[in-house]
């Protein structure tokens, strides 16, 4: 198994929490960036949170014009 394919304990718990409370889950920055592109946005580089290693923010900007 490739290290990038491993799921950490916190990632698994977050995915379970979101699945149980909202019928959603957690998604990779790549998946979210693709949704942003489809919506006409320009994805920014993912930002990792310092206190929760496997959590982050995937922001995007609306192109001018």
PDB file of N, CA and C in Angstrom:
ATOM      1  N   UNK A   1       0.840  -1.176   0.000  1.00  0.00           N
ATOM      2  CA  UNK A   1       0.000   0.000   0.000  1.00  0.00           C
ATOM      3  C   UNK A   1       0.882   1.234   0.000  1.00  0.00           C
ATOM      4  N   UNK A   2       0.583   2.165  -0.871  1.00  0.00           N
ATOM      5  CA  UNK A   2       1.283   3.440  -0.938  1.00  0.00           C
ATOM      6  C   UNK A   2       0.915   4.276   0.282  1.00  0.00           C
ATOM      7  N   UNK A   3       1.871   5.004   0.829  1.00  0.00           N
ATOM      8  CA  UNK A   3       1.624   5.840   2.011  1.00  0.00           C
ATOM      9  C   UNK A   3       0.508   6.826   1.745  1.00  0.00           C
ATOM     10  N   UNK A   4       0.402   7.353   0.524  1.00  0.00           N
ATOM     11  CA  UNK A   4      -0.635   8.332   0.210  1.00  0.00           C
ATOM     12  C   UNK A   4      -2.027   7.707   0.215  1.00  0.00           C
ATOM     13  N   UNK A   5      -2.117   6.378   0.162  1.00  0.00           N
ATOM     14  CA  UNK A   5      -3.410   5.690   0.186  1.00  0.00           C
ATOM     15  C   UNK A   5      -3.881   5.377   1.603  1.00  0.00           C
ATOM     16  N   UNK A   6      -3.026   5.545   2.592  1.00  0.00           N
ATOM     17  CA  UNK A   6      -3.396   5.239   3.963  1.00  0.00           C
ATOM     18  C   UNK A   6      -4.334   6.308   4.509  1.00  0.00           C
ATOM     19  N   UNK A   7      -5.261   5.889   5.358  1.00  0.00           N
ATOM     20  CA  UNK A   7      -6.194   6.807   5.993  1.00  0.00           C
ATOM     21  C   UNK A   7      -5.823   6.895   7.466  1.00  0.00           C
ATOM     22  N   UNK A   8      -5.631   8.106   7.944  1.00  0.00           N
ATOM     23  CA  UNK A   8      -5.294   8.260   9.352  1.00  0.00           C
ATOM     24  C   UNK A   8      -6.547   8.068  10.193  1.00  0.00           C
ATOM     25  N   UNK A   9      -6.354   7.895  11.469  1.00  0.00           N
ATOM     26  CA  UNK A   9      -7.474   7.707  12.384  1.00  0.00           C
ATOM     27  C   UNK A   9      -8.383   8.931  12.386  1.00  0.00           C
ATOM     28  N   UNK A  10      -7.815  10.133  12.431  1.00  0.00           N
ATOM     29  CA  UNK A  10      -8.647  11.338  12.459  1.00  0.00           C
ATOM     30  C   UNK A  10      -9.426  11.493  11.154  1.00  0.00           C
ATOM     31  N   UNK A  11      -8.825  11.156  10.020  1.00  0.00           N
ATOM     32  CA  UNK A  11      -9.536  11.242   8.742  1.00  0.00           C
ATOM     33  C   UNK A  11     -10.715  10.283   8.719  1.00  0.00           C
ATOM     34  N   UNK A  12     -10.496   9.072   9.197  1.00  0.00           N
ATOM     35  CA  UNK A  12     -11.570   8.086   9.242  1.00  0.00           C
ATOM     36  C   UNK A  12     -12.696   8.516  10.162  1.00  0.00           C
ATOM     37  N   UNK A  13     -12.351   9.069  11.322  1.00  0.00           N
ATOM     38  CA  UNK A  13     -13.379   9.539  12.252  1.00  0.00           C
ATOM     39  C   UNK A  13     -14.154  10.727  11.691  1.00  0.00           C
ATOM     40  N   UNK A  14     -13.465  11.635  11.025  1.00  0.00           N
ATOM     41  CA  UNK A  14     -14.156  12.780  10.413  1.00  0.00           C
ATOM     42  C   UNK A  14     -15.112  12.310   9.326  1.00  0.00           C
ATOM     43  N   UNK A  15     -14.683  11.365   8.510  1.00  0.00           N
ATOM     44  CA  UNK A  15     -15.533  10.841   7.449  1.00  0.00           C
ATOM     45  C   UNK A  15     -16.771  10.170   8.049  1.00  0.00           C
ATOM     46  N   UNK A  16     -16.590   9.388   9.100  1.00  0.00           N
ATOM     47  CA  UNK A  16     -17.711   8.740   9.775  1.00  0.00           C
ATOM     48  C   UNK A  16     -18.662   9.784  10.363  1.00  0.00           C
ATOM     49  N   UNK A  17     -18.123  10.794  11.030  1.00  0.00           N
ATOM     50  CA  UNK A  17     -18.952  11.850  11.619  1.00  0.00           C
ATOM     51  C   UNK A  17     -19.810  12.533  10.566  1.00  0.00           C
ATOM     52  N   UNK A  18     -19.203  12.963   9.465  1.00  0.00           N
ATOM     53  CA  UNK A  18     -19.967  13.654   8.427  1.00  0.00           C
ATOM     54  C   UNK A  18     -20.982  12.729   7.770  1.00  0.00           C
ATOM     55  N   UNK A  19     -20.633  11.477   7.593  1.00  0.00           N
ATOM     56  CA  UNK A  19     -21.575  10.522   7.006  1.00  0.00           C
ATOM     57  C   UNK A  19     -22.790  10.308   7.907  1.00  0.00           C
ATOM     58  N   UNK A  20     -22.562  10.287   9.212  1.00  0.00           N
ATOM     59  CA  UNK A  20     -23.662  10.050  10.148  1.00  0.00           C
ATOM     60  C   UNK A  20     -24.522  11.293  10.369  1.00  0.00           C
ATOM     61  N   UNK A  21     -23.936  12.475  10.287  1.00  0.00           N
ATOM     62  CA  UNK A  21     -24.673  13.688  10.632  1.00  0.00           C
ATOM     63  C   UNK A  21     -25.216  14.452   9.439  1.00  0.00           C
ATOM     64  N   UNK A  22     -24.726  14.190   8.246  1.00  0.00           N
ATOM     65  CA  UNK A  22     -25.170  15.010   7.120  1.00  0.00           C
ATOM     66  C   UNK A  22     -25.298  14.263   5.801  1.00  0.00           C
ATOM     67  N   UNK A  23     -25.164  12.968   5.815  1.00  0.00           N
ATOM     68  CA  UNK A  23     -25.196  12.167   4.583  1.00  0.00           C
ATOM     69  C   UNK A  23     -24.111  12.616   3.612  1.00  0.00           C
ATOM     70  N   UNK A  24     -23.023  13.138   4.141  1.00  0.00           N
ATOM     71  CA  UNK A  24     -21.888  13.565   3.324  1.00  0.00           C
ATOM     72  C   UNK A  24     -20.655  12.791   3.759  1.00  0.00           C
ATOM     73  N   UNK A  25     -19.514  13.278   3.457  1.00  0.00           N
ATOM     74  CA  UNK A  25     -18.269  12.649   3.856  1.00  0.00           C
ATOM     75  C   UNK A  25     -17.145  13.644   3.734  1.00  0.00           C
ATOM     76  N   UNK A  26     -15.933  13.169   3.789  1.00  0.00           N
ATOM     77  CA  UNK A  26     -14.788  14.043   3.568  1.00  0.00           C
ATOM     78  C   UNK A  26     -14.272  13.803   2.159  1.00  0.00           C
ATOM     79  N   UNK A  27     -13.680  14.820   1.583  1.00  0.00           N
ATOM     80  CA  UNK A  27     -13.226  14.751   0.201  1.00  0.00           C
ATOM     81  C   UNK A  27     -11.798  15.251   0.106  1.00  0.00           C
ATOM     82  N   UNK A  28     -11.092  14.784  -0.887  1.00  0.00           N
ATOM     83  CA  UNK A  28      -9.703  15.198  -1.081  1.00  0.00           C
ATOM     84  C   UNK A  28      -9.669  16.604  -1.673  1.00  0.00           C
ATOM     85  N   UNK A  29      -8.549  17.304  -1.479  1.00  0.00           N
ATOM     86  CA  UNK A  29      -8.420  18.629  -2.090  1.00  0.00           C
ATOM     87  C   UNK A  29      -8.560  18.572  -3.617  1.00  0.00           C
ATOM     88  N   UNK A  30      -8.093  17.495  -4.214  1.00  0.00           N
ATOM     89  CA  UNK A  30      -8.202  17.354  -5.669  1.00  0.00           C
ATOM     90  C   UNK A  30      -9.657  17.275  -6.114  1.00  0.00           C
ATOM     91  N   UNK A  31     -10.478  16.512  -5.372  1.00  0.00           N
ATOM     92  CA  UNK A  31     -11.898  16.418  -5.710  1.00  0.00           C
ATOM     93  C   UNK A  31     -12.579  17.777  -5.588  1.00  0.00           C
ATOM     94  N   UNK A  32     -12.310  18.479  -4.484  1.00  0.00           N
ATOM     95  CA  UNK A  32     -12.934  19.783  -4.283  1.00  0.00           C
ATOM     96  C   UNK A  32     -12.460  20.795  -5.314  1.00  0.00           C
ATOM     97  N   UNK A  33     -11.175  20.768  -5.679  1.00  0.00           N
ATOM     98  CA  UNK A  33     -10.652  21.684  -6.685  1.00  0.00           C
ATOM     99  C   UNK A  33     -11.329  21.442  -8.034  1.00  0.00           C
ATOM    100  N   UNK A  34     -11.604  20.196  -8.363  1.00  0.00           N
ATOM    101  CA  UNK A  34     -12.295  19.893  -9.616  1.00  0.00           C
ATOM    102  C   UNK A  34     -13.713  20.454  -9.602  1.00  0.00           C
ATOM    103  N   UNK A  35     -14.420  20.323  -8.490  1.00  0.00           N
ATOM    104  CA  UNK A  35     -15.766  20.905  -8.379  1.00  0.00           C
ATOM    105  C   UNK A  35     -15.695  22.416  -8.549  1.00  0.00           C
ATOM    106  N   UNK A  36     -14.669  23.035  -7.977  1.00  0.00           N
ATOM    107  CA  UNK A  36     -14.515  24.480  -8.092  1.00  0.00           C
ATOM    108  C   UNK A  36     -14.267  24.877  -9.548  1.00  0.00           C
ATOM    109  N   UNK A  37     -13.444  24.124 -10.254  1.00  0.00           N
ATOM    110  CA  UNK A  37     -13.190  24.411 -11.676  1.00  0.00           C
ATOM    111  C   UNK A  37     -14.477  24.309 -12.488  1.00  0.00           C
ATOM    112  N   UNK A  38     -15.247  23.247 -12.246  1.00  0.00           N
ATOM    113  CA  UNK A  38     -16.509  23.051 -12.964  1.00  0.00           C
ATOM    114  C   UNK A  38     -17.470  24.216 -12.704  1.00  0.00           C
ATOM    115  N   UNK A  39     -17.403  24.790 -11.505  1.00  0.00           N
ATOM    116  CA  UNK A  39     -18.261  25.919 -11.140  1.00  0.00           C
ATOM    117  C   UNK A  39     -17.721  27.252 -11.662  1.00  0.00           C
ATOM    118  N   UNK A  40     -16.607  27.220 -12.393  1.00  0.00           N
ATOM    119  CA  UNK A  40     -16.048  28.438 -12.959  1.00  0.00           C
ATOM    120  C   UNK A  40     -15.121  29.189 -12.018  1.00  0.00           C
ATOM    121  N   UNK A  41     -14.688  28.545 -10.963  1.00  0.00           N
ATOM    122  CA  UNK A  41     -13.784  29.174 -10.007  1.00  0.00           C
ATOM    123  C   UNK A  41     -12.349  28.744 -10.273  1.00  0.00           C
ATOM    124  N   UNK A  42     -11.412  29.460  -9.696  1.00  0.00           N
ATOM    125  CA  UNK A  42      -9.999  29.117  -9.819  1.00  0.00           C
ATOM    126  C   UNK A  42      -9.507  28.622  -8.457  1.00  0.00           C
ATOM    127  N   UNK A  43      -9.252  27.325  -8.324  1.00  0.00           N
ATOM    128  CA  UNK A  43      -8.798  26.780  -7.043  1.00  0.00           C
ATOM    129  C   UNK A  43      -7.454  27.359  -6.631  1.00  0.00           C
ATOM    130  N   UNK A  44      -7.309  27.597  -5.344  1.00  0.00           N
ATOM    131  CA  UNK A  44      -6.034  28.012  -4.778  1.00  0.00           C
ATOM    132  C   UNK A  44      -5.341  26.782  -4.219  1.00  0.00           C
ATOM    133  N   UNK A  45      -4.112  26.929  -3.817  1.00  0.00           N
ATOM    134  CA  UNK A  45      -3.374  25.804  -3.236  1.00  0.00           C
ATOM    135  C   UNK A  45      -4.041  25.395  -1.921  1.00  0.00           C
ATOM    136  N   UNK A  46      -4.179  24.096  -1.667  1.00  0.00           N
ATOM    137  CA  UNK A  46      -4.775  23.661  -0.402  1.00  0.00           C
ATOM    138  C   UNK A  46      -3.944  24.148   0.786  1.00  0.00           C
ATOM    139  N   UNK A  47      -4.640  24.499   1.874  1.00  0.00           N
ATOM    140  CA  UNK A  47      -3.973  24.929   3.103  1.00  0.00           C
ATOM    141  C   UNK A  47      -4.221  23.875   4.170  1.00  0.00           C
ATOM    142  N   UNK A  48      -3.159  23.391   4.788  1.00  0.00           N
ATOM    143  CA  UNK A  48      -3.275  22.393   5.855  1.00  0.00           C
ATOM    144  C   UNK A  48      -3.402  23.094   7.195  1.00  0.00           C
ATOM    145  N   UNK A  49      -4.228  22.550   8.061  1.00  0.00           N
ATOM    146  CA  UNK A  49      -4.372  23.087   9.403  1.00  0.00           C
ATOM    147  C   UNK A  49      -3.253  22.560  10.282  1.00  0.00           C
ATOM    148  N   UNK A  50      -2.705  23.379  11.131  1.00  0.00           N
ATOM    149  CA  UNK A  50      -1.571  22.969  11.965  1.00  0.00           C
ATOM    150  C   UNK A  50      -1.972  21.997  13.066  1.00  0.00           C
ATOM    151  N   UNK A  51      -3.145  22.199  13.668  1.00  0.00           N
ATOM    152  CA  UNK A  51      -3.515  21.381  14.818  1.00  0.00           C
ATOM    153  C   UNK A  51      -4.143  20.046  14.442  1.00  0.00           C
ATOM    154  N   UNK A  52      -4.717  19.958  13.254  1.00  0.00           N
ATOM    155  CA  UNK A  52      -5.307  18.699  12.782  1.00  0.00           C
ATOM    156  C   UNK A  52      -4.601  18.364  11.478  1.00  0.00           C
ATOM    157  N   UNK A  53      -3.640  17.489  11.565  1.00  0.00           N
ATOM    158  CA  UNK A  53      -2.736  17.205  10.446  1.00  0.00           C
ATOM    159  C   UNK A  53      -3.447  16.886   9.138  1.00  0.00           C
ATOM    160  N   UNK A  54      -4.524  16.123   9.191  1.00  0.00           N
ATOM    161  CA  UNK A  54      -5.172  15.680   7.961  1.00  0.00           C
ATOM    162  C   UNK A  54      -6.349  16.547   7.545  1.00  0.00           C
ATOM    163  N   UNK A  55      -6.547  17.683   8.179  1.00  0.00           N
ATOM    164  CA  UNK A  55      -7.635  18.587   7.807  1.00  0.00           C
ATOM    165  C   UNK A  55      -7.051  19.801   7.110  1.00  0.00           C
ATOM    166  N   UNK A  56      -7.843  20.393   6.261  1.00  0.00           N
ATOM    167  CA  UNK A  56      -7.362  21.567   5.548  1.00  0.00           C
ATOM    168  C   UNK A  56      -8.503  22.359   4.952  1.00  0.00           C
ATOM    169  N   UNK A  57      -8.124  23.381   4.218  1.00  0.00           N
ATOM    170  CA  UNK A  57      -9.083  24.276   3.570  1.00  0.00           C
ATOM    171  C   UNK A  57      -8.757  24.293   2.086  1.00  0.00           C
ATOM    172  N   UNK A  58      -9.777  24.135   1.260  1.00  0.00           N
ATOM    173  CA  UNK A  58      -9.601  24.234  -0.187  1.00  0.00           C
ATOM    174  C   UNK A  58     -10.394  25.450  -0.655  1.00  0.00           C
ATOM    175  N   UNK A  59      -9.714  26.567  -0.771  1.00  0.00           N
ATOM    176  CA  UNK A  59     -10.355  27.825  -1.181  1.00  0.00           C
ATOM    177  C   UNK A  59     -10.251  28.000  -2.686  1.00  0.00           C
ATOM    178  N   UNK A  60     -11.098  28.892  -3.210  1.00  0.00           N
ATOM    179  CA  UNK A  60     -11.068  29.221  -4.625  1.00  0.00           C
ATOM    180  C   UNK A  60     -11.429  30.687  -4.774  1.00  0.00           C
ATOM    181  N   UNK A  61     -11.090  31.246  -5.926  1.00  0.00           N
ATOM    182  CA  UNK A  61     -11.442  32.630  -6.214  1.00  0.00           C
ATOM    183  C   UNK A  61     -12.230  32.670  -7.516  1.00  0.00           C
ATOM    184  N   UNK A  62     -13.077  33.684  -7.611  1.00  0.00           N
ATOM    185  CA  UNK A  62     -13.848  33.904  -8.826  1.00  0.00           C
ATOM    186  C   UNK A  62     -13.009  34.768  -9.761  1.00  0.00           C
ATOM    187  N   UNK A  63     -12.753  34.293 -10.983  1.00  0.00           N
ATOM    188  CA  UNK A  63     -11.956  35.103 -11.917  1.00  0.00           C
ATOM    189  C   UNK A  63     -12.652  36.433 -12.242  1.00  0.00           C
ATOM    190  N   UNK A  64     -11.863  37.450 -12.389  1.00  0.00           N
ATOM    191  CA  UNK A  64     -12.417  38.768 -12.750  1.00  0.00           C
ATOM    192  C   UNK A  64     -12.877  38.750 -14.197  1.00  0.00           C
ATOM    193  N   UNK A  65     -13.881  39.536 -14.450  1.00  0.00           N
ATOM    194  CA  UNK A  65     -14.286  39.708 -15.837  1.00  0.00           C
ATOM    195  C   UNK A  65     -15.570  39.149 -16.101  1.00  0.00           C
TER     196      UNK A  65
END
